[in-house]
Amino acid sequence: MSEGFPSAVNTTVHFAHVAYRMEERYALRSPKVNYFQTWSAEDTMNRIEDADVFVVSGYWANALLERATNLKYIQSIGAGYDQFPLDELKQRGIRLANASGVNQNAVAEHAMSMMLGLNRHIHTGRDNQNTHTWRGMLGDLTLREDELLGKTLLVVGMGAIGSRLARFAKAFDMRVVATKRDPSTAAGPSDEVVTPDKLGDLVPEADFVALTCPLTPETTNIVDASVLNAMKPTAYLINVARGQCVDEPALADALKSGQIAGAGIDHFWSEPLEEDSIFWDLQNVIVTPHTGGETRLYEERVIDILDDNLGRLRNGEAGLRNEIV
């Protein structure tokens, strides 16, 4: 056992989340460690000093470190980790791992459902249902539902989520093109993979542009007015990445003017989405409240990583699964 990490019976795990049933799901595994969950920022601050291990996402605040005198390991509940002060964690000897990969199937399914929903007009069908409107048959081909067969999907970021989405798209007999920093490592099925600097070459070919990339300085506003102007007027944008990957005012203009056919958006620059946001009222948009990764299996997959890393820490292993610090 590592001299720097306590035994199971002397380890306390602090779960902190507004909604996820982390403590409840963990209890079903009959863990040997001590554990508890807090449901508010105030309670999290009040109890952080009890924690050897902290499992957290939205309730993280740098001020917690001043009280976290026993903290040795942080397990981020999400894939993102930009909220954590990495240099300070290193100085304090606190390890950090994220939950990358836990939602790859869920987010890819969400993106695929948006593609299907927009292409088959499921969203407008629901709108018509709400007003008891039976839409008649359409003679105008440009207004009818369409099929995915033979369409081109551009995956921006061929990582775990993008690769999974590519597999789904291939099952619908779509053509898949993608960007990836190192195309030689692309795991998903594709017809062409290029580096991100060649994104502009692929955009005009795409019927769907799906963002599955992480948020970095390079991907901030990666979809801007120039990309939107290069898209087909029949093409759709699907964003299951971060809202900051898209220039929102430019997207709103493109959607209002008909520059693109529509969009499925799961994340925005500001959340919750402002009540007066134009995106609520655009008929050619499907809005979901950042739920792409949330399924009934989410807690289980985070706990799998947690248990794996607790074992590694006790054994004194140098590397952690999804290690950040």
Protein backbone atom coordinates (compact mmCIF):
# COMPACT_ATOMS: atom_id res chain seq x y z
CA MET A 1 0.00 0.00 0.00
CA SER A 2 1.22 3.49 -0.80
CA GLU A 3 2.54 5.32 2.25
CA GLY A 4 0.99 8.55 1.00
CA PHE A 5 -2.56 7.31 0.64
CA PRO A 6 -4.77 6.00 3.47
CA SER A 7 -6.22 2.50 3.64
CA ALA A 8 -9.81 2.00 2.53
CA VAL A 9 -11.29 2.14 6.03
CA ASN A 10 -9.43 5.40 6.65
CA THR A 11 -10.49 7.02 3.36
CA THR A 12 -13.42 9.42 3.14
CA VAL A 13 -14.97 10.16 -0.24
CA HIS A 14 -16.97 13.36 -0.61
CA PHE A 15 -19.43 13.46 -3.53
CA ALA A 16 -20.76 16.91 -4.46
CA HIS A 17 -23.39 17.46 -7.13
CA VAL A 18 -26.73 19.18 -7.48
CA ALA A 19 -28.51 16.25 -9.15
CA TYR A 20 -26.39 13.14 -9.74
CA ARG A 21 -27.15 10.30 -7.31
CA MET A 22 -23.50 9.54 -6.63
CA GLU A 23 -23.78 8.47 -2.98
CA GLU A 24 -26.87 6.38 -3.66
CA ARG A 25 -25.28 4.50 -6.57
CA TYR A 26 -21.98 4.08 -4.74
CA ALA A 27 -23.74 2.49 -1.77
CA LEU A 28 -24.96 -0.34 -4.01
CA ARG A 29 -21.34 -1.45 -4.43
CA SER A 30 -20.86 -1.89 -0.67
CA PRO A 31 -17.60 0.10 -0.65
CA LYS A 32 -15.17 -0.24 2.23
CA VAL A 33 -14.43 3.47 2.33
CA ASN A 34 -16.41 6.15 4.16
CA TYR A 35 -18.49 8.38 1.90
CA PHE A 36 -21.14 11.11 1.87
CA GLN A 37 -22.73 13.56 -0.57
CA THR A 38 -23.48 17.26 -0.36
CA TRP A 39 -26.16 18.89 -2.52
CA SER A 40 -25.37 22.59 -2.25
CA ALA A 41 -22.31 24.84 -2.54
CA GLU A 42 -22.67 25.87 1.11
CA ASP A 43 -22.77 22.31 2.45
CA THR A 44 -19.88 21.37 0.17
CA MET A 45 -17.74 24.14 1.63
CA ASN A 46 -18.71 23.21 5.18
CA ARG A 47 -17.75 19.54 4.78
CA ILE A 48 -14.78 19.62 2.40
CA GLU A 49 -12.32 19.35 5.28
CA ASP A 50 -13.55 15.79 5.91
CA ALA A 51 -12.58 14.63 2.43
CA ASP A 52 -9.55 12.62 1.35
CA VAL A 53 -11.19 12.20 -2.05
CA PHE A 54 -13.45 14.78 -3.70
CA VAL A 55 -15.80 13.81 -6.55
CA VAL A 56 -17.11 17.07 -8.01
CA SER A 57 -17.90 19.18 -11.07
CA GLY A 58 -20.14 22.25 -10.83
CA TYR A 59 -19.59 22.86 -7.12
CA TRP A 60 -15.87 23.32 -7.51
CA ALA A 61 -14.49 26.64 -6.22
CA ASN A 62 -10.82 27.46 -5.65
CA ALA A 63 -11.68 28.68 -2.16
CA LEU A 64 -12.35 25.06 -1.19
CA LEU A 65 -8.62 24.38 -1.17
CA GLU A 66 -8.08 26.50 1.93
CA ARG A 67 -10.34 24.18 3.90
CA ALA A 68 -9.47 20.94 2.14
CA THR A 69 -6.63 20.10 4.49
CA ASN A 70 -6.92 16.32 3.99
CA LEU A 71 -7.58 16.31 0.26
CA LYS A 72 -5.39 13.99 -1.79
CA TYR A 73 -7.35 13.23 -4.94
CA ILE A 74 -10.05 14.95 -7.00
CA GLN A 75 -12.23 12.98 -9.40
CA SER A 76 -13.98 15.34 -11.81
CA ILE A 77 -17.49 14.14 -12.57
CA GLY A 78 -17.23 15.66 -16.06
CA ALA A 79 -14.70 15.56 -18.86
CA GLY A 80 -13.88 19.25 -18.51
CA TYR A 81 -11.21 20.37 -16.07
CA ASP A 82 -10.58 24.01 -16.99
CA GLN A 83 -12.21 25.09 -13.70
CA PHE A 84 -9.43 23.52 -11.61
CA PRO A 85 -6.21 25.42 -10.71
CA LEU A 86 -3.77 22.82 -12.04
CA ASP A 87 -0.58 24.51 -10.86
CA GLU A 88 -1.89 24.93 -7.33
CA LEU A 89 -3.05 21.31 -7.21
CA LYS A 90 0.46 20.22 -8.21
CA GLN A 91 1.98 22.40 -5.50
CA ARG A 92 -0.32 20.88 -2.90
CA GLY A 93 0.29 17.33 -4.12
CA ILE A 94 -3.38 16.78 -5.00
CA ARG A 95 -4.02 14.38 -7.88
CA LEU A 96 -6.74 15.07 -10.44
CA ALA A 97 -8.47 12.85 -12.99
CA ASN A 98 -11.40 13.64 -15.25
CA ALA A 99 -14.32 11.54 -16.48
CA SER A 100 -13.34 11.54 -20.14
CA GLY A 101 -15.01 8.73 -22.04
CA VAL A 102 -17.92 8.09 -19.68
CA ASN A 103 -20.41 9.81 -21.97
CA GLN A 104 -19.01 8.96 -25.40
CA ASN A 105 -21.92 6.70 -26.30
CA ALA A 106 -24.54 9.00 -24.75
CA VAL A 107 -23.31 12.14 -26.51
CA ALA A 108 -22.89 10.36 -29.84
CA GLU A 109 -26.46 9.03 -29.54
CA HIS A 110 -27.65 12.54 -28.72
CA ALA A 111 -25.96 13.97 -31.80
CA MET A 112 -27.45 11.22 -33.95
CA SER A 113 -30.91 11.85 -32.53
CA MET A 114 -30.60 15.54 -33.39
CA MET A 115 -29.57 14.68 -36.95
CA LEU A 116 -32.53 12.35 -37.31
CA GLY A 117 -34.91 14.77 -35.62
CA LEU A 118 -33.97 17.70 -37.83
CA ASN A 119 -33.90 15.63 -41.01
CA ARG A 120 -37.29 14.03 -40.29
CA HIS A 121 -38.82 17.25 -38.89
CA ILE A 122 -39.67 15.63 -35.56
CA HIS A 123 -39.35 18.98 -33.80
CA THR A 124 -41.91 20.71 -36.03
CA GLY A 125 -44.17 17.67 -35.73
CA ARG A 126 -44.13 18.13 -31.96
CA ASP A 127 -44.84 21.84 -32.39
CA ASN A 128 -47.83 20.98 -34.58
CA GLN A 129 -49.00 18.43 -32.03
CA ASN A 130 -49.00 21.10 -29.35
CA THR A 131 -51.31 23.27 -31.47
CA HIS A 132 -53.45 20.33 -32.68
CA THR A 133 -52.35 21.00 -36.28
CA TRP A 134 -52.39 18.21 -38.87
CA ARG A 135 -49.94 19.14 -41.58
CA GLY A 136 -50.98 18.20 -45.08
CA MET A 137 -48.85 16.51 -47.72
CA LEU A 138 -46.14 18.67 -49.25
CA GLY A 139 -45.65 19.21 -52.95
CA ASP A 140 -42.58 21.37 -52.41
CA LEU A 141 -39.63 18.98 -52.27
CA THR A 142 -37.49 21.49 -50.40
CA LEU A 143 -39.95 21.45 -47.47
CA ARG A 144 -40.28 17.69 -47.09
CA GLU A 145 -38.56 15.40 -44.64
CA ASP A 146 -35.34 13.87 -45.92
CA GLU A 147 -33.26 10.70 -45.55
CA LEU A 148 -29.75 10.28 -44.18
CA LEU A 149 -28.81 7.74 -46.85
CA GLY A 150 -25.92 9.09 -48.89
CA LYS A 151 -25.62 12.32 -46.90
CA THR A 152 -22.20 13.58 -45.77
CA LEU A 153 -21.43 14.03 -42.07
CA LEU A 154 -18.47 16.20 -41.10
CA VAL A 155 -17.23 15.30 -37.62
CA VAL A 156 -15.17 18.11 -36.08
CA GLY A 157 -13.02 16.29 -33.54
CA MET A 158 -12.65 12.56 -34.21
CA GLY A 159 -12.03 11.57 -30.61
CA ALA A 160 -14.02 9.02 -28.62
CA ILE A 161 -17.38 10.76 -29.14
CA GLY A 162 -16.73 11.63 -32.76
CA SER A 163 -15.60 8.10 -33.53
CA ARG A 164 -18.73 6.65 -31.96
CA LEU A 165 -20.89 9.07 -33.95
CA ALA A 166 -19.07 8.05 -37.13
CA ARG A 167 -20.02 4.42 -36.48
CA PHE A 168 -23.67 5.38 -36.07
CA ALA A 169 -23.58 7.44 -39.27
CA LYS A 170 -22.04 4.57 -41.23
CA ALA A 171 -24.92 2.36 -40.07
CA PHE A 172 -27.20 4.81 -41.91
CA ASP A 173 -25.02 4.54 -45.03
CA MET A 174 -23.72 8.08 -44.68
CA ARG A 175 -20.41 9.37 -45.94
CA VAL A 176 -18.19 10.45 -43.04
CA VAL A 177 -15.38 13.00 -43.18
CA ALA A 178 -13.63 14.35 -40.11
CA THR A 179 -10.94 16.51 -38.57
CA LYS A 180 -8.40 15.33 -36.00
CA ARG A 181 -5.09 16.78 -34.86
CA ASP A 182 -3.38 13.51 -35.74
CA PRO A 183 -5.42 11.82 -38.48
CA SER A 184 -3.34 8.64 -38.17
CA THR A 185 -4.91 7.99 -34.75
CA ALA A 186 -8.54 8.29 -35.89
CA ALA A 187 -10.43 5.27 -34.56
CA GLY A 188 -13.85 5.71 -36.11
CA PRO A 189 -14.83 4.62 -39.61
CA SER A 190 -14.42 7.45 -42.08
CA ASP A 191 -13.97 8.25 -45.74
CA GLU A 192 -11.49 11.05 -45.08
CA VAL A 193 -9.77 12.52 -42.01
CA VAL A 194 -7.76 15.75 -42.19
CA THR A 195 -6.05 18.10 -39.74
CA PRO A 196 -8.14 20.96 -38.31
CA ASP A 197 -6.47 23.57 -40.51
CA LYS A 198 -8.18 21.92 -43.51
CA LEU A 199 -11.67 22.22 -41.99
CA GLY A 200 -12.63 24.79 -44.61
CA ASP A 201 -12.04 22.27 -47.39
CA LEU A 202 -14.63 19.87 -45.96
CA VAL A 203 -17.38 22.25 -44.85
CA PRO A 204 -18.89 22.86 -48.32
CA GLU A 205 -19.31 19.08 -48.80
CA ALA A 206 -21.19 18.49 -45.56
CA ASP A 207 -24.91 17.98 -45.05
CA PHE A 208 -24.28 17.88 -41.29
CA VAL A 209 -21.45 19.54 -39.39
CA ALA A 210 -21.19 17.93 -35.94
CA LEU A 211 -18.97 19.42 -33.24
CA THR A 212 -17.59 16.75 -30.90
CA CYS A 213 -14.30 18.49 -30.09
CA PRO A 214 -13.01 19.65 -26.69
CA LEU A 215 -12.97 23.36 -25.92
CA THR A 216 -9.46 24.74 -26.42
CA PRO A 217 -8.08 28.08 -27.60
CA GLU A 218 -7.96 26.54 -31.09
CA THR A 219 -11.60 25.39 -31.05
CA THR A 220 -13.11 28.53 -29.51
CA ASN A 221 -15.41 29.96 -32.21
CA ILE A 222 -14.19 27.30 -34.63
CA VAL A 223 -17.60 27.69 -36.26
CA ASP A 224 -17.71 31.36 -37.15
CA ALA A 225 -19.36 33.39 -39.89
CA SER A 226 -16.90 32.16 -42.51
CA VAL A 227 -17.68 28.51 -41.75
CA LEU A 228 -21.42 29.14 -41.67
CA ASN A 229 -21.25 31.00 -44.99
CA ALA A 230 -19.40 28.03 -46.50
CA MET A 231 -22.06 25.54 -45.45
CA LYS A 232 -24.77 24.42 -47.83
CA PRO A 233 -28.12 26.17 -47.32
CA THR A 234 -29.54 22.66 -46.81
CA ALA A 235 -26.96 21.74 -44.15
CA TYR A 236 -27.41 21.47 -40.39
CA LEU A 237 -25.05 22.30 -37.52
CA ILE A 238 -25.01 19.89 -34.57
CA ASN A 239 -23.22 21.10 -31.43
CA VAL A 240 -22.73 18.55 -28.67
CA ALA A 241 -19.39 20.15 -27.75
CA ARG A 242 -19.10 23.39 -25.77
CA GLY A 243 -21.16 26.42 -26.71
CA GLN A 244 -17.98 28.47 -26.96
CA CYS A 245 -17.01 26.48 -30.05
CA VAL A 246 -19.62 28.48 -31.98
CA ASP A 247 -19.94 32.20 -32.66
CA GLU A 248 -23.52 32.45 -31.42
CA PRO A 249 -24.47 35.81 -33.00
CA ALA A 250 -23.18 34.56 -36.36
CA LEU A 251 -25.13 31.33 -35.94
CA ALA A 252 -28.32 33.20 -35.08
CA ASP A 253 -27.93 35.31 -38.21
CA ALA A 254 -27.32 32.22 -40.36
CA LEU A 255 -30.40 30.50 -38.97
CA LYS A 256 -32.66 33.54 -39.37
CA SER A 257 -31.53 34.26 -42.92
CA GLY A 258 -31.70 30.67 -44.12
CA GLN A 259 -27.96 30.55 -44.74
CA ILE A 260 -28.13 27.07 -43.17
CA ALA A 261 -31.16 24.82 -42.76
CA GLY A 262 -31.07 24.47 -39.01
CA ALA A 263 -29.17 23.45 -35.89
CA GLY A 264 -29.26 21.11 -32.92
CA ILE A 265 -27.63 22.75 -29.90
CA ASP A 266 -26.91 21.11 -26.55
CA HIS A 267 -24.61 23.75 -25.05
CA PHE A 268 -24.53 27.54 -25.08
CA TRP A 269 -22.12 30.27 -24.06
CA SER A 270 -24.37 31.14 -21.12
CA GLU A 271 -26.35 28.54 -19.21
CA PRO A 272 -29.17 28.33 -18.41
CA LEU A 273 -30.04 29.83 -21.78
CA GLU A 274 -31.35 33.35 -21.26
CA GLU A 275 -35.13 33.66 -21.32
CA ASP A 276 -34.96 36.22 -24.14
CA SER A 277 -32.53 34.24 -26.30
CA ILE A 278 -33.49 34.10 -29.95
CA PHE A 279 -32.67 30.40 -30.07
CA TRP A 280 -35.83 29.53 -28.13
CA ASP A 281 -38.08 30.78 -30.91
CA LEU A 282 -36.29 29.67 -34.06
CA GLN A 283 -38.38 26.93 -35.66
CA ASN A 284 -35.33 25.39 -37.36
CA VAL A 285 -33.50 24.78 -34.08
CA ILE A 286 -33.64 21.95 -31.54
CA VAL A 287 -32.49 23.12 -28.10
CA THR A 288 -31.56 20.65 -25.37
CA PRO A 289 -30.39 21.82 -21.92
CA HIS A 290 -26.86 20.36 -21.88
CA THR A 291 -28.24 16.84 -21.42
CA GLY A 292 -26.31 15.10 -24.18
CA GLY A 293 -24.19 13.13 -21.74
CA GLU A 294 -26.81 12.50 -19.07
CA THR A 295 -28.22 9.00 -19.04
CA ARG A 296 -29.12 6.52 -16.31
CA LEU A 297 -25.63 5.04 -16.60
CA TYR A 298 -23.64 8.23 -16.00
CA GLU A 299 -23.04 7.78 -12.27
CA GLU A 300 -21.95 4.17 -12.75
CA ARG A 301 -19.31 5.10 -15.31
CA VAL A 302 -17.86 7.86 -13.12
CA ILE A 303 -17.71 5.48 -10.17
CA ASP A 304 -15.91 2.91 -12.32
CA ILE A 305 -13.11 5.44 -12.86
CA LEU A 306 -13.14 6.43 -9.20
CA ASP A 307 -12.77 2.84 -7.97
CA ASP A 308 -10.04 2.12 -10.50
CA ASN A 309 -8.04 5.15 -9.42
CA LEU A 310 -8.54 4.54 -5.70
CA GLY A 311 -6.98 1.12 -6.22
CA ARG A 312 -4.06 2.63 -8.11
CA LEU A 313 -3.49 5.26 -5.44
CA ARG A 314 -3.46 2.69 -2.65
CA ASN A 315 -1.01 0.57 -4.62
CA GLY A 316 1.28 3.53 -5.17
CA GLU A 317 0.98 3.37 -8.95
CA ALA A 318 2.38 6.37 -10.80
CA GLY A 319 -0.37 6.74 -13.38
CA LEU A 320 -4.08 7.28 -12.97
CA ARG A 321 -6.88 6.59 -15.41
CA ASN A 322 -7.73 9.90 -17.15
CA GLU A 323 -4.96 11.60 -15.16
CA ILE A 324 -4.72 15.38 -15.44
CA VAL A 325 -2.45 16.14 -12.45
